[in-house]
Amino acid sequence: MNSISKITAVFVLALLVLACNNKPKPAIEKDASTSKVSLQTNTNKELIEGVYETQPESDNSDECQISIEISKTKTSYSYFLKTKIRELKGIANLTTNESGEKIIVLEGIEWDEYEGDISREEENDSIADSGTNSQELKIPVGIGASYTKDTLTIQNYGNAMNSYTKLSECGRKYIQLIKK
């Protein structure tokens, strides 16, 4: 029996050694996957640069021709916006909101129209008061676009409750610019 105990002890010891030898391998795999994720993040930042253009719609091919070129500068991004009636340059700020959506803000572009939130009118009792307040509204500056893969999407105008138009030369509610 003594030899059976020795064989069992050697067998258990061999299993423990083998079990311990297998543990470092998953740790190495986790490190490799972490570095892959960070490499993908760096690659995504580089993919933002490029020329984005609207695509013609089937019913009216010439109504909304817009292009935006985004370039990397030393510390940030810059843009060049070209439409039928204007060409603008400025700084493009890239941010990520709480839900993880990437937003590019084209700084320095004044919205074409802004009447404000209609709920502000409820605070005034008379029509004369609401006319005074509408003159005090400042037209917003800066156009935000959501960024997904190779597409920028701008909500171009609001609704009856919040009336605005960002780029009047395009009649689309959502302007989608696709990377060339």
N, C-alpha and C. Protein backbone atom coordinates (compact mmCIF):
# COMPACT_ATOMS: atom_id res chain seq x y z
N MET A 1 0.81 -1.20 0.00
CA MET A 1 0.00 0.00 0.00
C MET A 1 0.85 1.25 0.00
N ASN A 2 1.99 1.09 0.52
CA ASN A 2 2.88 2.22 0.60
C ASN A 2 3.25 2.70 -0.79
N SER A 3 3.44 1.83 -1.73
CA SER A 3 3.77 2.22 -3.08
C SER A 3 2.58 2.87 -3.78
N ILE A 4 1.37 2.46 -3.47
CA ILE A 4 0.17 3.06 -4.06
C ILE A 4 0.02 4.49 -3.52
N SER A 5 0.30 4.74 -2.30
CA SER A 5 0.23 6.08 -1.73
C SER A 5 1.25 6.99 -2.38
N LYS A 6 2.46 6.42 -2.61
CA LYS A 6 3.50 7.22 -3.26
C LYS A 6 3.10 7.57 -4.69
N ILE A 7 2.52 6.61 -5.40
CA ILE A 7 2.11 6.86 -6.79
C ILE A 7 0.98 7.90 -6.81
N THR A 8 0.05 7.80 -5.90
CA THR A 8 -1.05 8.76 -5.82
C THR A 8 -0.52 10.15 -5.50
N ALA A 9 0.42 10.25 -4.58
CA ALA A 9 0.99 11.55 -4.21
C ALA A 9 1.73 12.16 -5.40
N VAL A 10 2.48 11.36 -6.14
CA VAL A 10 3.19 11.86 -7.32
C VAL A 10 2.19 12.32 -8.37
N PHE A 11 1.12 11.58 -8.56
CA PHE A 11 0.09 11.92 -9.54
C PHE A 11 -0.58 13.26 -9.18
N VAL A 12 -0.94 13.45 -7.90
CA VAL A 12 -1.57 14.70 -7.45
C VAL A 12 -0.60 15.86 -7.60
N LEU A 13 0.67 15.64 -7.25
CA LEU A 13 1.69 16.68 -7.39
C LEU A 13 1.87 17.07 -8.85
N ALA A 14 1.85 16.10 -9.75
CA ALA A 14 1.98 16.37 -11.19
C ALA A 14 0.79 17.20 -11.68
N LEU A 15 -0.42 16.88 -11.23
CA LEU A 15 -1.61 17.66 -11.61
C LEU A 15 -1.51 19.10 -11.14
N LEU A 16 -1.03 19.31 -9.91
CA LEU A 16 -0.87 20.66 -9.39
C LEU A 16 0.13 21.46 -10.21
N VAL A 17 1.24 20.84 -10.55
CA VAL A 17 2.26 21.53 -11.35
C VAL A 17 1.69 21.89 -12.72
N LEU A 18 0.98 20.97 -13.35
CA LEU A 18 0.37 21.25 -14.65
C LEU A 18 -0.68 22.35 -14.55
N ALA A 19 -1.47 22.34 -13.49
CA ALA A 19 -2.49 23.36 -13.31
C ALA A 19 -1.85 24.73 -13.11
N CYS A 20 -0.77 24.79 -12.40
CA CYS A 20 -0.07 26.07 -12.18
C CYS A 20 0.59 26.57 -13.46
N ASN A 21 1.07 25.68 -14.29
CA ASN A 21 1.72 26.06 -15.54
C ASN A 21 0.72 26.64 -16.54
N ASN A 22 -0.54 26.31 -16.45
CA ASN A 22 -1.54 26.80 -17.39
C ASN A 22 -2.06 28.20 -17.04
N LYS A 23 -1.86 28.69 -15.86
CA LYS A 23 -2.42 29.98 -15.45
C LYS A 23 -1.81 31.19 -16.16
N PRO A 24 -0.51 31.29 -16.36
CA PRO A 24 0.03 32.50 -16.99
C PRO A 24 -0.44 32.72 -18.42
N LYS A 25 -0.82 31.67 -19.15
CA LYS A 25 -1.21 31.82 -20.55
C LYS A 25 -2.42 32.73 -20.72
N PRO A 26 -3.52 32.59 -19.97
CA PRO A 26 -4.64 33.51 -20.14
C PRO A 26 -4.27 34.95 -19.82
N ALA A 27 -3.38 35.17 -18.87
CA ALA A 27 -2.97 36.52 -18.54
C ALA A 27 -2.28 37.18 -19.73
N ILE A 28 -1.50 36.42 -20.47
CA ILE A 28 -0.83 36.94 -21.66
C ILE A 28 -1.86 37.26 -22.74
N GLU A 29 -2.85 36.39 -22.89
CA GLU A 29 -3.89 36.63 -23.87
C GLU A 29 -4.68 37.89 -23.55
N LYS A 30 -4.97 38.14 -22.28
CA LYS A 30 -5.69 39.35 -21.91
C LYS A 30 -4.88 40.59 -22.25
N ASP A 31 -3.58 40.56 -22.01
CA ASP A 31 -2.73 41.70 -22.35
C ASP A 31 -2.76 41.94 -23.85
N ALA A 32 -2.72 40.88 -24.63
CA ALA A 32 -2.73 41.03 -26.08
C ALA A 32 -4.05 41.64 -26.54
N SER A 33 -5.19 41.22 -25.97
CA SER A 33 -6.47 41.78 -26.39
C SER A 33 -6.60 43.23 -25.98
N THR A 34 -6.03 43.60 -24.82
CA THR A 34 -6.08 44.99 -24.38
C THR A 34 -5.31 45.88 -25.35
N SER A 35 -4.14 45.44 -25.78
CA SER A 35 -3.35 46.26 -26.70
C SER A 35 -4.04 46.36 -28.06
N LYS A 36 -4.76 45.31 -28.46
CA LYS A 36 -5.49 45.38 -29.72
C LYS A 36 -6.58 46.44 -29.64
N VAL A 37 -7.27 46.52 -28.52
CA VAL A 37 -8.33 47.51 -28.36
C VAL A 37 -7.76 48.91 -28.45
N SER A 38 -6.64 49.16 -27.78
CA SER A 38 -6.07 50.50 -27.83
C SER A 38 -5.56 50.83 -29.23
N LEU A 39 -5.07 49.83 -29.96
CA LEU A 39 -4.65 50.08 -31.33
C LEU A 39 -5.84 50.44 -32.20
N GLN A 40 -6.97 49.77 -31.99
CA GLN A 40 -8.17 50.10 -32.75
C GLN A 40 -8.63 51.51 -32.45
N THR A 41 -8.54 51.95 -31.21
CA THR A 41 -8.94 53.30 -30.85
C THR A 41 -8.08 54.32 -31.59
N ASN A 42 -6.77 54.10 -31.62
CA ASN A 42 -5.89 55.02 -32.33
C ASN A 42 -6.19 55.04 -33.82
N THR A 43 -6.52 53.89 -34.39
CA THR A 43 -6.86 53.82 -35.80
C THR A 43 -8.14 54.61 -36.09
N ASN A 44 -9.15 54.53 -35.21
CA ASN A 44 -10.40 55.25 -35.41
C ASN A 44 -10.17 56.75 -35.46
N LYS A 45 -9.26 57.27 -34.65
CA LYS A 45 -8.99 58.70 -34.66
C LYS A 45 -8.45 59.14 -36.02
N GLU A 46 -7.61 58.32 -36.62
CA GLU A 46 -7.05 58.65 -37.91
C GLU A 46 -8.09 58.58 -39.02
N LEU A 47 -9.10 57.74 -38.87
CA LEU A 47 -10.10 57.56 -39.90
C LEU A 47 -11.03 58.76 -40.04
N ILE A 48 -11.07 59.65 -39.09
CA ILE A 48 -11.96 60.81 -39.14
C ILE A 48 -11.54 61.77 -40.25
N GLU A 49 -10.27 61.86 -40.49
CA GLU A 49 -9.78 62.76 -41.53
C GLU A 49 -10.27 62.32 -42.90
N GLY A 50 -10.56 63.30 -43.76
CA GLY A 50 -10.97 62.98 -45.12
C GLY A 50 -12.01 63.94 -45.65
N VAL A 51 -12.50 63.65 -46.85
CA VAL A 51 -13.51 64.47 -47.52
C VAL A 51 -14.84 63.75 -47.45
N TYR A 52 -15.86 64.45 -46.95
CA TYR A 52 -17.21 63.91 -46.82
C TYR A 52 -18.12 64.71 -47.76
N GLU A 53 -18.98 64.00 -48.50
CA GLU A 53 -19.89 64.67 -49.44
C GLU A 53 -21.30 64.10 -49.32
N THR A 54 -22.28 64.96 -49.63
CA THR A 54 -23.66 64.49 -49.70
C THR A 54 -23.83 63.68 -50.98
N GLN A 55 -24.73 62.74 -50.93
CA GLN A 55 -25.05 61.92 -52.10
C GLN A 55 -26.36 62.43 -52.68
N PRO A 56 -26.48 62.45 -54.01
CA PRO A 56 -27.74 62.93 -54.61
C PRO A 56 -28.90 62.00 -54.27
N GLU A 57 -30.06 62.59 -54.04
CA GLU A 57 -31.27 61.81 -53.81
C GLU A 57 -31.92 61.53 -55.15
N SER A 58 -32.72 60.49 -55.21
CA SER A 58 -33.30 60.06 -56.48
C SER A 58 -34.27 61.10 -57.07
N ASP A 59 -34.98 61.84 -56.21
CA ASP A 59 -35.99 62.77 -56.72
C ASP A 59 -35.40 64.13 -57.13
N ASN A 60 -34.29 64.56 -56.53
CA ASN A 60 -33.73 65.87 -56.85
C ASN A 60 -32.22 65.82 -56.63
N SER A 61 -31.48 65.59 -57.68
CA SER A 61 -30.05 65.32 -57.55
C SER A 61 -29.20 66.55 -57.27
N ASP A 62 -29.71 67.76 -57.50
CA ASP A 62 -28.87 68.94 -57.40
C ASP A 62 -29.21 69.85 -56.22
N GLU A 63 -30.18 69.49 -55.37
CA GLU A 63 -30.65 70.42 -54.35
C GLU A 63 -29.74 70.56 -53.15
N CYS A 64 -28.84 69.62 -52.90
CA CYS A 64 -28.06 69.69 -51.67
C CYS A 64 -26.64 69.18 -51.91
N GLN A 65 -25.79 70.07 -52.40
CA GLN A 65 -24.40 69.70 -52.64
C GLN A 65 -23.53 70.33 -51.56
N ILE A 66 -23.08 69.49 -50.62
CA ILE A 66 -22.25 69.97 -49.52
C ILE A 66 -21.06 69.03 -49.39
N SER A 67 -19.90 69.62 -49.15
CA SER A 67 -18.72 68.79 -48.84
C SER A 67 -18.00 69.39 -47.65
N ILE A 68 -17.45 68.50 -46.83
CA ILE A 68 -16.67 68.91 -45.67
C ILE A 68 -15.37 68.13 -45.70
N GLU A 69 -14.26 68.86 -45.66
CA GLU A 69 -12.95 68.21 -45.58
C GLU A 69 -12.42 68.40 -44.16
N ILE A 70 -12.10 67.30 -43.49
CA ILE A 70 -11.57 67.35 -42.13
C ILE A 70 -10.10 66.94 -42.18
N SER A 71 -9.26 67.80 -41.61
CA SER A 71 -7.82 67.56 -41.59
C SER A 71 -7.30 67.60 -40.17
N LYS A 72 -6.24 66.86 -39.93
CA LYS A 72 -5.59 66.84 -38.61
C LYS A 72 -4.56 67.96 -38.57
N THR A 73 -4.61 68.76 -37.51
CA THR A 73 -3.59 69.77 -37.27
C THR A 73 -2.69 69.24 -36.15
N LYS A 74 -1.77 70.06 -35.67
CA LYS A 74 -0.86 69.61 -34.62
C LYS A 74 -1.61 69.19 -33.37
N THR A 75 -2.60 69.97 -32.95
CA THR A 75 -3.27 69.70 -31.68
C THR A 75 -4.74 69.31 -31.82
N SER A 76 -5.34 69.50 -32.98
CA SER A 76 -6.77 69.22 -33.12
C SER A 76 -7.10 68.90 -34.58
N TYR A 77 -8.33 69.21 -34.98
CA TYR A 77 -8.77 69.02 -36.36
C TYR A 77 -9.24 70.36 -36.92
N SER A 78 -9.18 70.50 -38.24
CA SER A 78 -9.73 71.67 -38.91
C SER A 78 -10.70 71.19 -39.98
N TYR A 79 -11.57 72.10 -40.45
CA TYR A 79 -12.52 71.72 -41.49
C TYR A 79 -12.54 72.77 -42.59
N PHE A 80 -13.01 72.34 -43.76
CA PHE A 80 -13.29 73.23 -44.88
C PHE A 80 -14.66 72.82 -45.41
N LEU A 81 -15.66 73.69 -45.21
CA LEU A 81 -17.05 73.43 -45.62
C LEU A 81 -17.30 74.14 -46.94
N LYS A 82 -17.85 73.42 -47.91
CA LYS A 82 -18.16 74.02 -49.20
C LYS A 82 -19.59 73.67 -49.59
N THR A 83 -20.41 74.70 -49.86
CA THR A 83 -21.77 74.53 -50.36
C THR A 83 -21.89 75.31 -51.65
N LYS A 84 -23.11 75.39 -52.20
CA LYS A 84 -23.33 76.16 -53.43
C LYS A 84 -23.05 77.66 -53.23
N ILE A 85 -23.32 78.16 -52.01
CA ILE A 85 -23.24 79.61 -51.81
C ILE A 85 -22.13 80.08 -50.86
N ARG A 86 -21.42 79.15 -50.21
CA ARG A 86 -20.38 79.59 -49.28
C ARG A 86 -19.27 78.56 -49.10
N GLU A 87 -18.13 79.09 -48.69
CA GLU A 87 -16.97 78.28 -48.35
C GLU A 87 -16.43 78.80 -47.03
N LEU A 88 -16.33 77.92 -46.03
CA LEU A 88 -15.91 78.32 -44.69
C LEU A 88 -14.81 77.39 -44.17
N LYS A 89 -13.89 77.97 -43.40
CA LYS A 89 -12.83 77.20 -42.74
C LYS A 89 -12.93 77.44 -41.25
N GLY A 90 -12.47 76.46 -40.47
CA GLY A 90 -12.47 76.64 -39.03
C GLY A 90 -11.94 75.43 -38.30
N ILE A 91 -12.16 75.42 -37.00
CA ILE A 91 -11.71 74.34 -36.13
C ILE A 91 -12.84 73.33 -35.97
N ALA A 92 -12.50 72.06 -36.03
CA ALA A 92 -13.45 70.98 -35.80
C ALA A 92 -13.08 70.28 -34.50
N ASN A 93 -13.98 70.32 -33.52
CA ASN A 93 -13.73 69.67 -32.23
C ASN A 93 -14.43 68.33 -32.19
N LEU A 94 -13.69 67.30 -31.80
CA LEU A 94 -14.22 65.95 -31.70
C LEU A 94 -14.44 65.63 -30.23
N THR A 95 -15.68 65.24 -29.89
CA THR A 95 -16.01 64.86 -28.52
C THR A 95 -16.79 63.55 -28.54
N THR A 96 -16.91 62.94 -27.39
CA THR A 96 -17.73 61.74 -27.23
C THR A 96 -18.72 62.01 -26.11
N ASN A 97 -20.02 61.79 -26.37
CA ASN A 97 -21.02 62.04 -25.33
C ASN A 97 -21.13 60.85 -24.38
N GLU A 98 -22.04 60.95 -23.42
CA GLU A 98 -22.18 59.93 -22.37
C GLU A 98 -22.51 58.54 -22.93
N SER A 99 -23.23 58.50 -24.04
CA SER A 99 -23.61 57.21 -24.62
C SER A 99 -22.54 56.63 -25.54
N GLY A 100 -21.42 57.33 -25.70
CA GLY A 100 -20.33 56.83 -26.53
C GLY A 100 -20.38 57.30 -27.96
N GLU A 101 -21.38 58.11 -28.32
CA GLU A 101 -21.50 58.61 -29.68
C GLU A 101 -20.46 59.72 -29.91
N LYS A 102 -19.78 59.67 -31.05
CA LYS A 102 -18.78 60.69 -31.40
C LYS A 102 -19.48 61.85 -32.09
N ILE A 103 -19.15 63.05 -31.64
CA ILE A 103 -19.73 64.27 -32.20
C ILE A 103 -18.60 65.17 -32.69
N ILE A 104 -18.73 65.68 -33.91
CA ILE A 104 -17.79 66.66 -34.44
C ILE A 104 -18.53 67.99 -34.51
N VAL A 105 -17.97 69.01 -33.87
CA VAL A 105 -18.57 70.35 -33.90
C VAL A 105 -17.72 71.23 -34.81
N LEU A 106 -18.36 71.76 -35.85
CA LEU A 106 -17.70 72.68 -36.77
C LEU A 106 -17.88 74.09 -36.19
N GLU A 107 -16.83 74.58 -35.55
CA GLU A 107 -16.89 75.86 -34.83
C GLU A 107 -16.93 77.04 -35.81
N GLY A 108 -17.64 78.09 -35.42
CA GLY A 108 -17.63 79.35 -36.18
C GLY A 108 -18.68 79.47 -37.26
N ILE A 109 -19.54 78.48 -37.45
CA ILE A 109 -20.59 78.56 -38.47
C ILE A 109 -21.88 79.01 -37.79
N GLU A 110 -22.36 80.20 -38.17
CA GLU A 110 -23.60 80.72 -37.59
C GLU A 110 -24.79 80.06 -38.28
N TRP A 111 -25.77 79.63 -37.47
CA TRP A 111 -26.97 79.02 -38.02
C TRP A 111 -27.70 80.05 -38.87
N ASP A 112 -28.39 79.60 -39.92
CA ASP A 112 -29.10 80.53 -40.81
C ASP A 112 -30.36 81.10 -40.18
N GLU A 113 -31.10 80.30 -39.41
CA GLU A 113 -32.31 80.77 -38.75
C GLU A 113 -32.42 80.14 -37.37
N TYR A 114 -32.95 80.92 -36.42
CA TYR A 114 -33.19 80.38 -35.08
C TYR A 114 -34.29 81.18 -34.42
N GLU A 115 -35.43 80.53 -34.18
CA GLU A 115 -36.55 81.18 -33.51
C GLU A 115 -36.65 80.76 -32.05
N GLY A 116 -35.88 79.78 -31.65
CA GLY A 116 -35.84 79.38 -30.25
C GLY A 116 -36.90 78.37 -29.89
N ASP A 117 -36.86 78.00 -28.63
CA ASP A 117 -37.78 77.02 -28.06
C ASP A 117 -39.13 77.71 -27.83
N ILE A 118 -40.21 77.12 -28.34
CA ILE A 118 -41.54 77.73 -28.23
C ILE A 118 -42.02 77.78 -26.79
N SER A 119 -41.48 76.97 -25.91
CA SER A 119 -41.90 76.99 -24.51
C SER A 119 -41.54 78.32 -23.85
N ARG A 120 -40.61 79.06 -24.39
CA ARG A 120 -40.27 80.38 -23.85
C ARG A 120 -41.43 81.36 -24.05
N GLU A 121 -42.22 81.16 -25.12
CA GLU A 121 -43.33 82.07 -25.39
C GLU A 121 -44.43 81.93 -24.35
N GLU A 122 -44.57 80.78 -23.70
CA GLU A 122 -45.60 80.58 -22.70
C GLU A 122 -45.37 81.46 -21.47
N GLU A 123 -44.14 81.87 -21.23
CA GLU A 123 -43.84 82.72 -20.09
C GLU A 123 -44.36 84.15 -20.30
N ASN A 124 -44.62 84.53 -21.55
CA ASN A 124 -45.10 85.88 -21.85
C ASN A 124 -46.60 85.86 -22.07
N ASP A 125 -47.27 86.89 -21.54
CA ASP A 125 -48.73 86.95 -21.65
C ASP A 125 -49.19 87.63 -22.94
N SER A 126 -48.46 88.59 -23.43
CA SER A 126 -48.94 89.34 -24.58
C SER A 126 -48.06 89.09 -25.81
N ILE A 127 -48.63 89.39 -26.95
CA ILE A 127 -47.90 89.22 -28.21
C ILE A 127 -46.74 90.20 -28.27
N ALA A 128 -46.91 91.37 -27.74
CA ALA A 128 -45.85 92.38 -27.76
C ALA A 128 -44.63 91.89 -26.98
N ASP A 129 -44.86 91.24 -25.84
CA ASP A 129 -43.74 90.73 -25.05
C ASP A 129 -42.97 89.66 -25.81
N SER A 130 -43.70 88.75 -26.50
CA SER A 130 -43.01 87.68 -27.21
C SER A 130 -42.20 88.24 -28.37
N GLY A 131 -42.66 89.32 -29.00
CA GLY A 131 -41.90 89.95 -30.07
C GLY A 131 -40.60 90.54 -29.56
N THR A 132 -40.64 91.11 -28.38
CA THR A 132 -39.43 91.67 -27.78
C THR A 132 -38.42 90.58 -27.47
N ASN A 133 -38.88 89.45 -26.93
CA ASN A 133 -37.98 88.35 -26.58
C ASN A 133 -37.35 87.70 -27.80
N SER A 134 -38.10 87.61 -28.92
CA SER A 134 -37.55 86.96 -30.10
C SER A 134 -36.39 87.78 -30.67
N GLN A 135 -36.42 89.11 -30.48
CA GLN A 135 -35.31 89.93 -30.95
C GLN A 135 -34.07 89.72 -30.08
N GLU A 136 -34.25 89.33 -28.82
CA GLU A 136 -33.14 89.15 -27.91
C GLU A 136 -32.43 87.81 -28.12
N LEU A 137 -33.04 86.89 -28.84
CA LEU A 137 -32.42 85.58 -29.05
C LEU A 137 -31.13 85.73 -29.86
N LYS A 138 -30.11 85.05 -29.41
CA LYS A 138 -28.85 85.04 -30.15
C LYS A 138 -28.84 83.81 -31.05
N ILE A 139 -28.41 84.01 -32.27
CA ILE A 139 -28.33 82.89 -33.20
C ILE A 139 -27.13 82.04 -32.80
N PRO A 140 -27.34 80.73 -32.60
CA PRO A 140 -26.24 79.85 -32.21
C PRO A 140 -25.13 79.78 -33.26
N VAL A 141 -23.94 79.49 -32.79
CA VAL A 141 -22.78 79.35 -33.67
C VAL A 141 -22.17 77.98 -33.41
N GLY A 142 -21.86 77.28 -34.48
CA GLY A 142 -21.28 75.94 -34.39
C GLY A 142 -22.30 74.89 -34.80
N ILE A 143 -21.89 74.02 -35.71
CA ILE A 143 -22.78 72.97 -36.19
C ILE A 143 -22.23 71.62 -35.76
N GLY A 144 -23.05 70.86 -35.06
CA GLY A 144 -22.66 69.54 -34.60
C GLY A 144 -23.08 68.47 -35.59
N ALA A 145 -22.22 67.47 -35.75
CA ALA A 145 -22.52 66.33 -36.62
C ALA A 145 -22.13 65.06 -35.90
N SER A 146 -23.01 64.07 -35.91
CA SER A 146 -22.64 62.78 -35.32
C SER A 146 -21.75 62.04 -36.31
N TYR A 147 -20.77 61.33 -35.75
CA TYR A 147 -19.80 60.61 -36.59
C TYR A 147 -19.95 59.12 -36.33
N THR A 148 -20.20 58.37 -37.41
CA THR A 148 -20.28 56.91 -37.34
C THR A 148 -19.53 56.36 -38.54
N LYS A 149 -18.48 55.59 -38.28
CA LYS A 149 -17.63 55.01 -39.32
C LYS A 149 -17.23 56.05 -40.35
N ASP A 150 -17.85 56.03 -41.52
CA ASP A 150 -17.47 56.94 -42.60
C ASP A 150 -18.57 57.94 -42.94
N THR A 151 -19.44 58.26 -41.97
CA THR A 151 -20.59 59.13 -42.23
C THR A 151 -20.73 60.21 -41.16
N LEU A 152 -20.94 61.44 -41.61
CA LEU A 152 -21.30 62.56 -40.73
C LEU A 152 -22.78 62.83 -40.94
N THR A 153 -23.53 63.01 -39.86
CA THR A 153 -24.96 63.31 -39.97
C THR A 153 -25.28 64.58 -39.20
N ILE A 154 -25.85 65.56 -39.90
CA ILE A 154 -26.23 66.85 -39.30
C ILE A 154 -27.75 66.93 -39.30
N GLN A 155 -28.35 67.23 -38.14
CA GLN A 155 -29.79 67.53 -38.12
C GLN A 155 -29.90 68.98 -38.54
N ASN A 156 -30.43 69.22 -39.72
CA ASN A 156 -30.39 70.53 -40.34
C ASN A 156 -31.48 71.49 -39.87
N TYR A 157 -32.63 70.99 -39.52
CA TYR A 157 -33.67 71.89 -39.02
C TYR A 157 -34.50 71.19 -37.95
N GLY A 158 -35.18 72.03 -37.16
CA GLY A 158 -35.96 71.55 -36.04
C GLY A 158 -37.41 71.31 -36.41
N ASN A 159 -38.30 71.59 -35.44
CA ASN A 159 -39.73 71.37 -35.65
C ASN A 159 -40.49 72.59 -35.14
N ALA A 160 -41.80 72.46 -35.01
CA ALA A 160 -42.63 73.58 -34.58
C ALA A 160 -42.31 74.01 -33.14
N MET A 161 -41.87 73.10 -32.32
CA MET A 161 -41.56 73.42 -30.93
C MET A 161 -40.19 74.08 -30.77
N ASN A 162 -39.27 73.81 -31.68
CA ASN A 162 -37.94 74.39 -31.64
C ASN A 162 -37.48 74.63 -33.07
N SER A 163 -37.82 75.79 -33.59
CA SER A 163 -37.61 76.08 -35.00
C SER A 163 -36.22 76.66 -35.25
N TYR A 164 -35.47 75.98 -36.14
CA TYR A 164 -34.15 76.47 -36.55
C TYR A 164 -33.78 75.85 -37.88
N THR A 165 -32.86 76.48 -38.57
CA THR A 165 -32.25 75.95 -39.79
C THR A 165 -30.76 76.25 -39.72
N LYS A 166 -29.95 75.22 -39.87
CA LYS A 166 -28.50 75.42 -39.79
C LYS A 166 -27.91 75.81 -41.14
N LEU A 167 -28.25 75.07 -42.20
CA LEU A 167 -27.74 75.34 -43.55
C LEU A 167 -28.93 75.46 -44.49
N SER A 168 -29.35 76.68 -44.78
CA SER A 168 -30.56 76.89 -45.58
C SER A 168 -30.40 76.47 -47.03
N GLU A 169 -29.18 76.33 -47.52
CA GLU A 169 -28.98 75.93 -48.91
C GLU A 169 -29.28 74.44 -49.14
N CYS A 170 -29.62 73.73 -48.08
CA CYS A 170 -29.99 72.31 -48.19
C CYS A 170 -31.34 72.12 -47.50
N GLY A 171 -32.29 71.53 -48.20
CA GLY A 171 -33.63 71.36 -47.65
C GLY A 171 -33.84 70.06 -46.90
N ARG A 172 -32.82 69.27 -46.74
CA ARG A 172 -32.97 67.99 -46.04
C ARG A 172 -33.00 68.18 -44.53
N LYS A 173 -33.82 67.38 -43.87
CA LYS A 173 -33.86 67.41 -42.40
C LYS A 173 -32.56 66.87 -41.83
N TYR A 174 -32.11 65.73 -42.34
CA TYR A 174 -30.84 65.14 -41.92
C TYR A 174 -29.89 65.14 -43.12
N ILE A 175 -28.80 65.84 -42.98
CA ILE A 175 -27.79 65.88 -44.04
C ILE A 175 -26.76 64.80 -43.72
N GLN A 176 -26.67 63.81 -44.62
CA GLN A 176 -25.67 62.76 -44.44
C GLN A 176 -24.54 62.99 -45.43
N LEU A 177 -23.34 63.09 -44.88
CA LEU A 177 -22.14 63.27 -45.69
C LEU A 177 -21.32 62.00 -45.57
N ILE A 178 -21.04 61.38 -46.70
CA ILE A 178 -20.33 60.10 -46.72
C ILE A 178 -18.91 60.32 -47.20
N LYS A 179 -17.97 59.67 -46.52
CA LYS A 179 -16.55 59.82 -46.83
C LYS A 179 -16.25 59.26 -48.21
N LYS A 180 -15.45 60.01 -48.98
CA LYS A 180 -15.04 59.57 -50.32
C LYS A 180 -13.95 58.53 -50.22
